[in-house]
């Protein structure tokens, strides 16, 4: 389910104070990184990620690969930092219940 503009705006506001919890370095997108990323998305639902390497086009390709591999929604991308959101249907007390 795609997020509406209003939902993305609300998520950007919630993500503003977050620090990046995942950093993508010189090795790029590895299986270990994807395992950690999926685990973190399951737990937090809304996360901020930093890409430490590459130019604009390389970062764009990495973001696209991560979004496709995780099934998450891209909320925002500014420079080397991007925000992802993926609902965890198993979380009954989600902080994001109001976005439904």
PDB file of N, CA and C in Angstrom:
ATOM      1  N   UNK A   1       0.837  -1.181   0.000  1.00  0.00           N
ATOM      2  CA  UNK A   1       0.000   0.000   0.000  1.00  0.00           C
ATOM      3  C   UNK A   1       0.885   1.250   0.000  1.00  0.00           C
ATOM      4  N   UNK A   2       0.701   2.098  -0.968  1.00  0.00           N
ATOM      5  CA  UNK A   2       1.484   3.321  -1.067  1.00  0.00           C
ATOM      6  C   UNK A   2       1.011   4.344  -0.036  1.00  0.00           C
ATOM      7  N   UNK A   3       1.946   5.087   0.474  1.00  0.00           N
ATOM      8  CA  UNK A   3       1.624   6.120   1.452  1.00  0.00           C
ATOM      9  C   UNK A   3       1.091   7.355   0.745  1.00  0.00           C
ATOM     10  N   UNK A   4       0.143   8.030   1.389  1.00  0.00           N
ATOM     11  CA  UNK A   4      -0.364   9.284   0.849  1.00  0.00           C
ATOM     12  C   UNK A   4       0.618  10.404   1.179  1.00  0.00           C
ATOM     13  N   UNK A   5       0.418  11.535   0.566  1.00  0.00           N
ATOM     14  CA  UNK A   5       1.274  12.691   0.829  1.00  0.00           C
ATOM     15  C   UNK A   5       1.174  13.100   2.299  1.00  0.00           C
ATOM     16  N   UNK A   6      -0.024  13.064   2.854  1.00  0.00           N
ATOM     17  CA  UNK A   6      -0.211  13.428   4.257  1.00  0.00           C
ATOM     18  C   UNK A   6       0.498  12.444   5.185  1.00  0.00           C
ATOM     19  N   UNK A   7       0.451  11.156   4.853  1.00  0.00           N
ATOM     20  CA  UNK A   7       1.136  10.156   5.664  1.00  0.00           C
ATOM     21  C   UNK A   7       2.648  10.345   5.607  1.00  0.00           C
ATOM     22  N   UNK A   8       3.173  10.617   4.419  1.00  0.00           N
ATOM     23  CA  UNK A   8       4.613  10.854   4.285  1.00  0.00           C
ATOM     24  C   UNK A   8       5.026  12.093   5.080  1.00  0.00           C
ATOM     25  N   UNK A   9       4.202  13.119   5.049  1.00  0.00           N
ATOM     26  CA  UNK A   9       4.504  14.339   5.794  1.00  0.00           C
ATOM     27  C   UNK A   9       4.556  14.054   7.290  1.00  0.00           C
ATOM     28  N   UNK A  10       3.594  13.275   7.776  1.00  0.00           N
ATOM     29  CA  UNK A  10       3.578  12.915   9.198  1.00  0.00           C
ATOM     30  C   UNK A  10       4.805  12.076   9.563  1.00  0.00           C
ATOM     31  N   UNK A  11       5.174  11.140   8.705  1.00  0.00           N
ATOM     32  CA  UNK A  11       6.344  10.296   8.957  1.00  0.00           C
ATOM     33  C   UNK A  11       7.642  11.101   8.913  1.00  0.00           C
ATOM     34  N   UNK A  12       7.732  12.071   8.015  1.00  0.00           N
ATOM     35  CA  UNK A  12       8.917  12.934   7.981  1.00  0.00           C
ATOM     36  C   UNK A  12       9.074  13.681   9.296  1.00  0.00           C
ATOM     37  N   UNK A  13       7.959  14.150   9.835  1.00  0.00           N
ATOM     38  CA  UNK A  13       7.994  14.838  11.125  1.00  0.00           C
ATOM     39  C   UNK A  13       8.459  13.925  12.245  1.00  0.00           C
ATOM     40  N   UNK A  14       7.992  12.678  12.244  1.00  0.00           N
ATOM     41  CA  UNK A  14       8.403  11.717  13.265  1.00  0.00           C
ATOM     42  C   UNK A  14       9.865  11.309  13.099  1.00  0.00           C
ATOM     43  N   UNK A  15      10.344  11.279  11.867  1.00  0.00           N
ATOM     44  CA  UNK A  15      11.714  10.836  11.599  1.00  0.00           C
ATOM     45  C   UNK A  15      12.738  11.948  11.811  1.00  0.00           C
ATOM     46  N   UNK A  16      12.278  13.181  11.914  1.00  0.00           N
ATOM     47  CA  UNK A  16      13.202  14.311  11.994  1.00  0.00           C
ATOM     48  C   UNK A  16      14.219  14.160  13.124  1.00  0.00           C
ATOM     49  N   UNK A  17      13.782  13.723  14.273  1.00  0.00           N
ATOM     50  CA  UNK A  17      14.670  13.625  15.442  1.00  0.00           C
ATOM     51  C   UNK A  17      15.475  12.330  15.488  1.00  0.00           C
ATOM     52  N   UNK A  18      15.196  11.401  14.586  1.00  0.00           N
ATOM     53  CA  UNK A  18      15.898  10.117  14.594  1.00  0.00           C
ATOM     54  C   UNK A  18      17.335  10.247  14.102  1.00  0.00           C
ATOM     55  N   UNK A  19      18.197   9.427  14.652  1.00  0.00           N
ATOM     56  CA  UNK A  19      19.555   9.296  14.150  1.00  0.00           C
ATOM     57  C   UNK A  19      19.610   8.081  13.229  1.00  0.00           C
ATOM     58  N   UNK A  20      20.512   8.087  12.236  1.00  0.00           N
ATOM     59  CA  UNK A  20      20.622   6.909  11.369  1.00  0.00           C
ATOM     60  C   UNK A  20      20.996   5.667  12.176  1.00  0.00           C
ATOM     61  N   UNK A  21      20.241   4.585  11.994  1.00  0.00           N
ATOM     62  CA  UNK A  21      20.502   3.342  12.721  1.00  0.00           C
ATOM     63  C   UNK A  21      21.254   2.334  11.865  1.00  0.00           C
ATOM     64  N   UNK A  22      21.294   2.566  10.557  1.00  0.00           N
ATOM     65  CA  UNK A  22      22.019   1.707   9.622  1.00  0.00           C
ATOM     66  C   UNK A  22      22.922   2.617   8.791  1.00  0.00           C
ATOM     67  N   UNK A  23      24.157   2.171   8.578  1.00  0.00           N
ATOM     68  CA  UNK A  23      25.070   2.905   7.710  1.00  0.00           C
ATOM     69  C   UNK A  23      25.557   1.976   6.600  1.00  0.00           C
ATOM     70  N   UNK A  24      25.464   2.444   5.385  1.00  0.00           N
ATOM     71  CA  UNK A  24      25.913   1.667   4.241  1.00  0.00           C
ATOM     72  C   UNK A  24      27.270   2.213   3.832  1.00  0.00           C
ATOM     73  N   UNK A  25      28.286   1.367   3.888  1.00  0.00           N
ATOM     74  CA  UNK A  25      29.662   1.793   3.622  1.00  0.00           C
ATOM     75  C   UNK A  25      30.166   1.370   2.262  1.00  0.00           C
ATOM     76  N   UNK A  26      31.466   1.187   2.190  1.00  0.00           N
ATOM     77  CA  UNK A  26      32.143   0.889   0.927  1.00  0.00           C
ATOM     78  C   UNK A  26      31.725  -0.450   0.325  1.00  0.00           C
ATOM     79  N   UNK A  27      31.328  -1.395   1.155  1.00  0.00           N
ATOM     80  CA  UNK A  27      30.925  -2.712   0.631  1.00  0.00           C
ATOM     81  C   UNK A  27      29.541  -2.679  -0.004  1.00  0.00           C
ATOM     82  N   UNK A  28      28.796  -1.620   0.220  1.00  0.00           N
ATOM     83  CA  UNK A  28      27.480  -1.473  -0.388  1.00  0.00           C
ATOM     84  C   UNK A  28      26.431  -2.358   0.270  1.00  0.00           C
ATOM     85  N   UNK A  29      25.482  -2.817  -0.537  1.00  0.00           N
ATOM     86  CA  UNK A  29      24.358  -3.615  -0.043  1.00  0.00           C
ATOM     87  C   UNK A  29      24.770  -5.083  -0.058  1.00  0.00           C
ATOM     88  N   UNK A  30      24.995  -5.633   1.124  1.00  0.00           N
ATOM     89  CA  UNK A  30      25.378  -7.040   1.269  1.00  0.00           C
ATOM     90  C   UNK A  30      24.220  -7.815   1.892  1.00  0.00           C
ATOM     91  N   UNK A  31      24.338  -9.140   1.899  1.00  0.00           N
ATOM     92  CA  UNK A  31      23.307  -9.969   2.518  1.00  0.00           C
ATOM     93  C   UNK A  31      23.206  -9.683   4.011  1.00  0.00           C
ATOM     94  N   UNK A  32      24.344  -9.505   4.660  1.00  0.00           N
ATOM     95  CA  UNK A  32      24.341  -9.206   6.099  1.00  0.00           C
ATOM     96  C   UNK A  32      23.660  -7.868   6.376  1.00  0.00           C
ATOM     97  N   UNK A  33      23.914  -6.887   5.532  1.00  0.00           N
ATOM     98  CA  UNK A  33      23.264  -5.588   5.687  1.00  0.00           C
ATOM     99  C   UNK A  33      21.760  -5.716   5.524  1.00  0.00           C
ATOM    100  N   UNK A  34      21.321  -6.479   4.528  1.00  0.00           N
ATOM    101  CA  UNK A  34      19.883  -6.636   4.293  1.00  0.00           C
ATOM    102  C   UNK A  34      19.205  -7.374   5.441  1.00  0.00           C
ATOM    103  N   UNK A  35      19.881  -8.372   6.008  1.00  0.00           N
ATOM    104  CA  UNK A  35      19.323  -9.077   7.169  1.00  0.00           C
ATOM    105  C   UNK A  35      19.122  -8.117   8.336  1.00  0.00           C
ATOM    106  N   UNK A  36      20.142  -7.312   8.604  1.00  0.00           N
ATOM    107  CA  UNK A  36      20.068  -6.333   9.693  1.00  0.00           C
ATOM    108  C   UNK A  36      19.003  -5.276   9.410  1.00  0.00           C
ATOM    109  N   UNK A  37      18.923  -4.839   8.173  1.00  0.00           N
ATOM    110  CA  UNK A  37      17.943  -3.832   7.779  1.00  0.00           C
ATOM    111  C   UNK A  37      16.520  -4.353   7.949  1.00  0.00           C
ATOM    112  N   UNK A  38      16.262  -5.579   7.502  1.00  0.00           N
ATOM    113  CA  UNK A  38      14.928  -6.160   7.666  1.00  0.00           C
ATOM    114  C   UNK A  38      14.566  -6.337   9.142  1.00  0.00           C
ATOM    115  N   UNK A  39      15.522  -6.772   9.931  1.00  0.00           N
ATOM    116  CA  UNK A  39      15.293  -6.928  11.365  1.00  0.00           C
ATOM    117  C   UNK A  39      14.979  -5.584  12.020  1.00  0.00           C
ATOM    118  N   UNK A  40      15.729  -4.571  11.653  1.00  0.00           N
ATOM    119  CA  UNK A  40      15.525  -3.233  12.218  1.00  0.00           C
ATOM    120  C   UNK A  40      14.176  -2.664  11.783  1.00  0.00           C
ATOM    121  N   UNK A  41      13.791  -2.857  10.531  1.00  0.00           N
ATOM    122  CA  UNK A  41      12.483  -2.392  10.064  1.00  0.00           C
ATOM    123  C   UNK A  41      11.347  -3.103  10.800  1.00  0.00           C
ATOM    124  N   UNK A  42      11.504  -4.404  11.048  1.00  0.00           N
ATOM    125  CA  UNK A  42      10.480  -5.140  11.787  1.00  0.00           C
ATOM    126  C   UNK A  42      10.301  -4.571  13.189  1.00  0.00           C
ATOM    127  N   UNK A  43      11.400  -4.193  13.797  1.00  0.00           N
ATOM    128  CA  UNK A  43      11.350  -3.698  15.178  1.00  0.00           C
ATOM    129  C   UNK A  43      10.901  -2.244  15.269  1.00  0.00           C
ATOM    130  N   UNK A  44      11.466  -1.368  14.433  1.00  0.00           N
ATOM    131  CA  UNK A  44      11.212   0.070  14.553  1.00  0.00           C
ATOM    132  C   UNK A  44      10.164   0.615  13.579  1.00  0.00           C
ATOM    133  N   UNK A  45       9.970  -0.016  12.459  1.00  0.00           N
ATOM    134  CA  UNK A  45       9.053   0.387  11.394  1.00  0.00           C
ATOM    135  C   UNK A  45       9.486   1.649  10.643  1.00  0.00           C
ATOM    136  N   UNK A  46      10.006   2.647  11.324  1.00  0.00           N
ATOM    137  CA  UNK A  46      10.470   3.885  10.704  1.00  0.00           C
ATOM    138  C   UNK A  46      11.943   4.056  11.055  1.00  0.00           C
ATOM    139  N   UNK A  47      12.806   4.062  10.019  1.00  0.00           N
ATOM    140  CA  UNK A  47      14.243   4.157  10.289  1.00  0.00           C
ATOM    141  C   UNK A  47      14.914   5.139   9.345  1.00  0.00           C
ATOM    142  N   UNK A  48      16.038   5.652   9.814  1.00  0.00           N
ATOM    143  CA  UNK A  48      16.867   6.552   9.023  1.00  0.00           C
ATOM    144  C   UNK A  48      18.162   5.818   8.703  1.00  0.00           C
ATOM    145  N   UNK A  49      18.606   5.925   7.447  1.00  0.00           N
ATOM    146  CA  UNK A  49      19.792   5.221   6.967  1.00  0.00           C
ATOM    147  C   UNK A  49      20.745   6.220   6.323  1.00  0.00           C
ATOM    148  N   UNK A  50      22.039   6.047   6.568  1.00  0.00           N
ATOM    149  CA  UNK A  50      23.067   6.906   5.968  1.00  0.00           C
ATOM    150  C   UNK A  50      23.900   6.086   4.992  1.00  0.00           C
ATOM    151  N   UNK A  51      24.166   6.682   3.820  1.00  0.00           N
ATOM    152  CA  UNK A  51      25.047   6.085   2.829  1.00  0.00           C
ATOM    153  C   UNK A  51      26.345   6.873   2.862  1.00  0.00           C
ATOM    154  N   UNK A  52      27.431   6.212   3.214  1.00  0.00           N
ATOM    155  CA  UNK A  52      28.710   6.903   3.388  1.00  0.00           C
ATOM    156  C   UNK A  52      29.544   6.999   2.122  1.00  0.00           C
ATOM    157  N   UNK A  53      29.225   6.255   1.101  1.00  0.00           N
ATOM    158  CA  UNK A  53      30.056   6.197  -0.117  1.00  0.00           C
ATOM    159  C   UNK A  53      29.231   6.548  -1.345  1.00  0.00           C
ATOM    160  N   UNK A  54      29.922   6.970  -2.390  1.00  0.00           N
ATOM    161  CA  UNK A  54      29.293   7.124  -3.699  1.00  0.00           C
ATOM    162  C   UNK A  54      28.806   8.525  -4.003  1.00  0.00           C
ATOM    163  N   UNK A  55      28.590   8.746  -5.300  1.00  0.00           N
ATOM    164  CA  UNK A  55      28.035  10.017  -5.742  1.00  0.00           C
ATOM    165  C   UNK A  55      26.510   9.926  -5.771  1.00  0.00           C
ATOM    166  N   UNK A  56      25.879  10.951  -6.250  1.00  0.00           N
ATOM    167  CA  UNK A  56      24.422  11.040  -6.232  1.00  0.00           C
ATOM    168  C   UNK A  56      23.754   9.865  -6.949  1.00  0.00           C
ATOM    169  N   UNK A  57      24.252   9.514  -8.133  1.00  0.00           N
ATOM    170  CA  UNK A  57      23.650   8.423  -8.908  1.00  0.00           C
ATOM    171  C   UNK A  57      23.835   7.078  -8.215  1.00  0.00           C
ATOM    172  N   UNK A  58      25.003   6.858  -7.620  1.00  0.00           N
ATOM    173  CA  UNK A  58      25.245   5.607  -6.893  1.00  0.00           C
ATOM    174  C   UNK A  58      24.334   5.511  -5.669  1.00  0.00           C
ATOM    175  N   UNK A  59      24.165   6.627  -4.954  1.00  0.00           N
ATOM    176  CA  UNK A  59      23.272   6.633  -3.788  1.00  0.00           C
ATOM    177  C   UNK A  59      21.831   6.371  -4.210  1.00  0.00           C
ATOM    178  N   UNK A  60      21.421   6.959  -5.320  1.00  0.00           N
ATOM    179  CA  UNK A  60      20.064   6.745  -5.828  1.00  0.00           C
ATOM    180  C   UNK A  60      19.838   5.267  -6.160  1.00  0.00           C
ATOM    181  N   UNK A  61      20.826   4.626  -6.770  1.00  0.00           N
ATOM    182  CA  UNK A  61      20.729   3.206  -7.108  1.00  0.00           C
ATOM    183  C   UNK A  61      20.676   2.342  -5.847  1.00  0.00           C
ATOM    184  N   UNK A  62      21.453   2.706  -4.832  1.00  0.00           N
ATOM    185  CA  UNK A  62      21.441   1.960  -3.569  1.00  0.00           C
ATOM    186  C   UNK A  62      20.084   2.084  -2.902  1.00  0.00           C
ATOM    187  N   UNK A  63      19.535   3.293  -2.870  1.00  0.00           N
ATOM    188  CA  UNK A  63      18.211   3.507  -2.251  1.00  0.00           C
ATOM    189  C   UNK A  63      17.164   2.679  -2.972  1.00  0.00           C
ATOM    190  N   UNK A  64      17.183   2.691  -4.286  1.00  0.00           N
ATOM    191  CA  UNK A  64      16.216   1.924  -5.073  1.00  0.00           C
ATOM    192  C   UNK A  64      16.346   0.428  -4.792  1.00  0.00           C
ATOM    193  N   UNK A  65      17.574  -0.061  -4.706  1.00  0.00           N
ATOM    194  CA  UNK A  65      17.801  -1.484  -4.422  1.00  0.00           C
ATOM    195  C   UNK A  65      17.291  -1.854  -3.033  1.00  0.00           C
ATOM    196  N   UNK A  66      17.537  -1.007  -2.055  1.00  0.00           N
ATOM    197  CA  UNK A  66      17.090  -1.276  -0.680  1.00  0.00           C
ATOM    198  C   UNK A  66      15.565  -1.266  -0.600  1.00  0.00           C
ATOM    199  N   UNK A  67      14.940  -0.289  -1.225  1.00  0.00           N
ATOM    200  CA  UNK A  67      13.472  -0.206  -1.210  1.00  0.00           C
ATOM    201  C   UNK A  67      12.862  -1.434  -1.875  1.00  0.00           C
ATOM    202  N   UNK A  68      13.396  -1.848  -3.017  1.00  0.00           N
ATOM    203  CA  UNK A  68      12.869  -3.025  -3.714  1.00  0.00           C
ATOM    204  C   UNK A  68      13.081  -4.304  -2.912  1.00  0.00           C
ATOM    205  N   UNK A  69      14.223  -4.428  -2.263  1.00  0.00           N
ATOM    206  CA  UNK A  69      14.534  -5.648  -1.519  1.00  0.00           C
ATOM    207  C   UNK A  69      13.753  -5.769  -0.216  1.00  0.00           C
ATOM    208  N   UNK A  70      13.415  -4.644   0.403  1.00  0.00           N
ATOM    209  CA  UNK A  70      12.736  -4.688   1.705  1.00  0.00           C
ATOM    210  C   UNK A  70      11.221  -4.572   1.599  1.00  0.00           C
ATOM    211  N   UNK A  71      10.737  -4.029   0.505  1.00  0.00           N
ATOM    212  CA  UNK A  71       9.304  -3.789   0.398  1.00  0.00           C
ATOM    213  C   UNK A  71       8.854  -2.599   1.228  1.00  0.00           C
ATOM    214  N   UNK A  72       9.802  -1.770   1.632  1.00  0.00           N
ATOM    215  CA  UNK A  72       9.492  -0.589   2.441  1.00  0.00           C
ATOM    216  C   UNK A  72       9.141   0.586   1.535  1.00  0.00           C
ATOM    217  N   UNK A  73       8.568   1.611   2.138  1.00  0.00           N
ATOM    218  CA  UNK A  73       8.248   2.835   1.426  1.00  0.00           C
ATOM    219  C   UNK A  73       9.335   3.869   1.692  1.00  0.00           C
ATOM    220  N   UNK A  74       9.782   4.530   0.652  1.00  0.00           N
ATOM    221  CA  UNK A  74      10.725   5.624   0.811  1.00  0.00           C
ATOM    222  C   UNK A  74       9.946   6.851   1.254  1.00  0.00           C
ATOM    223  N   UNK A  75      10.265   7.349   2.429  1.00  0.00           N
ATOM    224  CA  UNK A  75       9.575   8.514   2.982  1.00  0.00           C
ATOM    225  C   UNK A  75      10.276   9.788   2.543  1.00  0.00           C
ATOM    226  N   UNK A  76      11.612   9.765   2.610  1.00  0.00           N
ATOM    227  CA  UNK A  76      12.373  10.973   2.315  1.00  0.00           C
ATOM    228  C   UNK A  76      13.809  10.606   1.986  1.00  0.00           C
ATOM    229  N   UNK A  77      14.428  11.395   1.130  1.00  0.00           N
ATOM    230  CA  UNK A  77      15.837  11.229   0.804  1.00  0.00           C
ATOM    231  C   UNK A  77      16.461  12.609   0.676  1.00  0.00           C
ATOM    232  N   UNK A  78      17.416  12.894   1.547  1.00  0.00           N
ATOM    233  CA  UNK A  78      18.118  14.179   1.507  1.00  0.00           C
ATOM    234  C   UNK A  78      19.608  13.896   1.601  1.00  0.00           C
ATOM    235  N   UNK A  79      20.334  14.207   0.544  1.00  0.00           N
ATOM    236  CA  UNK A  79      21.778  13.999   0.536  1.00  0.00           C
ATOM    237  C   UNK A  79      22.137  12.540   0.741  1.00  0.00           C
ATOM    238  N   UNK A  80      22.887  12.271   1.796  1.00  0.00           N
ATOM    239  CA  UNK A  80      23.353  10.912   2.081  1.00  0.00           C
ATOM    240  C   UNK A  80      22.447  10.158   3.042  1.00  0.00           C
ATOM    241  N   UNK A  81      21.331  10.760   3.439  1.00  0.00           N
ATOM    242  CA  UNK A  81      20.443  10.144   4.423  1.00  0.00           C
ATOM    243  C   UNK A  81      19.070   9.922   3.797  1.00  0.00           C
ATOM    244  N   UNK A  82      18.488   8.743   4.073  1.00  0.00           N
ATOM    245  CA  UNK A  82      17.122   8.492   3.628  1.00  0.00           C
ATOM    246  C   UNK A  82      16.329   7.790   4.723  1.00  0.00           C
ATOM    247  N   UNK A  83      15.018   7.926   4.631  1.00  0.00           N
ATOM    248  CA  UNK A  83      14.107   7.400   5.642  1.00  0.00           C
ATOM    249  C   UNK A  83      13.195   6.369   4.991  1.00  0.00           C
ATOM    250  N   UNK A  84      13.081   5.216   5.650  1.00  0.00           N
ATOM    251  CA  UNK A  84      12.201   4.146   5.182  1.00  0.00           C
ATOM    252  C   UNK A  84      11.130   3.849   6.212  1.00  0.00           C
ATOM    253  N   UNK A  85       9.975   3.412   5.719  1.00  0.00           N
ATOM    254  CA  UNK A  85       8.882   2.993   6.595  1.00  0.00           C
ATOM    255  C   UNK A  85       8.305   1.696   6.071  1.00  0.00           C
ATOM    256  N   UNK A  86       8.128   0.736   6.975  1.00  0.00           N
ATOM    257  CA  UNK A  86       7.442  -0.513   6.640  1.00  0.00           C
ATOM    258  C   UNK A  86       6.656  -0.954   7.867  1.00  0.00           C
ATOM    259  N   UNK A  87       5.361  -1.103   7.685  1.00  0.00           N
ATOM    260  CA  UNK A  87       4.518  -1.547   8.798  1.00  0.00           C
ATOM    261  C   UNK A  87       4.855  -2.989   9.166  1.00  0.00           C
ATOM    262  N   UNK A  88       4.792  -3.269  10.453  1.00  0.00           N
ATOM    263  CA  UNK A  88       4.942  -4.634  10.940  1.00  0.00           C
ATOM    264  C   UNK A  88       3.557  -5.094  11.375  1.00  0.00           C
ATOM    265  N   UNK A  89       2.917  -5.977  10.602  1.00  0.00           N
ATOM    266  CA  UNK A  89       1.547  -6.390  10.937  1.00  0.00           C
ATOM    267  C   UNK A  89       1.457  -7.153  12.256  1.00  0.00           C
ATOM    268  N   UNK A  90       2.578  -7.656  12.759  1.00  0.00           N
ATOM    269  CA  UNK A  90       2.563  -8.398  14.013  1.00  0.00           C
ATOM    270  C   UNK A  90       2.602  -7.494  15.235  1.00  0.00           C
ATOM    271  N   UNK A  91       2.922  -6.220  15.041  1.00  0.00           N
ATOM    272  CA  UNK A  91       2.968  -5.272  16.157  1.00  0.00           C
ATOM    273  C   UNK A  91       1.562  -4.727  16.399  1.00  0.00           C
ATOM    274  N   UNK A  92       1.004  -5.074  17.520  1.00  0.00           N
ATOM    275  CA  UNK A  92      -0.352  -4.618  17.848  1.00  0.00           C
ATOM    276  C   UNK A  92      -0.352  -3.200  18.401  1.00  0.00           C
ATOM    277  N   UNK A  93       0.722  -2.806  19.096  1.00  0.00           N
ATOM    278  CA  UNK A  93       0.793  -1.490  19.726  1.00  0.00           C
ATOM    279  C   UNK A  93       1.711  -0.550  18.948  1.00  0.00           C
ATOM    280  N   UNK A  94       1.574  -0.563  17.640  1.00  0.00           N
ATOM    281  CA  UNK A  94       2.437   0.242  16.780  1.00  0.00           C
ATOM    282  C   UNK A  94       2.234   1.732  17.038  1.00  0.00           C
ATOM    283  N   UNK A  95       3.328   2.471  16.992  1.00  0.00           N
ATOM    284  CA  UNK A  95       3.270   3.927  17.122  1.00  0.00           C
ATOM    285  C   UNK A  95       2.648   4.565  15.887  1.00  0.00           C
ATOM    286  N   UNK A  96       2.499   3.785  14.831  1.00  0.00           N
ATOM    287  CA  UNK A  96       2.027   4.305  13.556  1.00  0.00           C
ATOM    288  C   UNK A  96       0.605   3.856  13.221  1.00  0.00           C
ATOM    289  N   UNK A  97      -0.148   3.461  14.227  1.00  0.00           N
ATOM    290  CA  UNK A  97      -1.525   2.999  14.022  1.00  0.00           C
ATOM    291  C   UNK A  97      -2.400   4.100  13.436  1.00  0.00           C
ATOM    292  N   UNK A  98      -2.094   5.359  13.763  1.00  0.00           N
ATOM    293  CA  UNK A  98      -2.899   6.463  13.271  1.00  0.00           C
ATOM    294  C   UNK A  98      -2.752   6.683  11.765  1.00  0.00           C
ATOM    295  N   UNK A  99      -1.751   6.054  11.150  1.00  0.00           N
ATOM    296  CA  UNK A  99      -1.537   6.207   9.709  1.00  0.00           C
ATOM    297  C   UNK A  99      -2.378   5.255   8.874  1.00  0.00           C
ATOM    298  N   UNK A 100      -3.101   4.404   9.477  1.00  0.00           N
ATOM    299  CA  UNK A 100      -3.904   3.423   8.725  1.00  0.00           C
ATOM    300  C   UNK A 100      -5.090   4.037   8.073  1.00  0.00           C
TER     301      UNK A 100
END
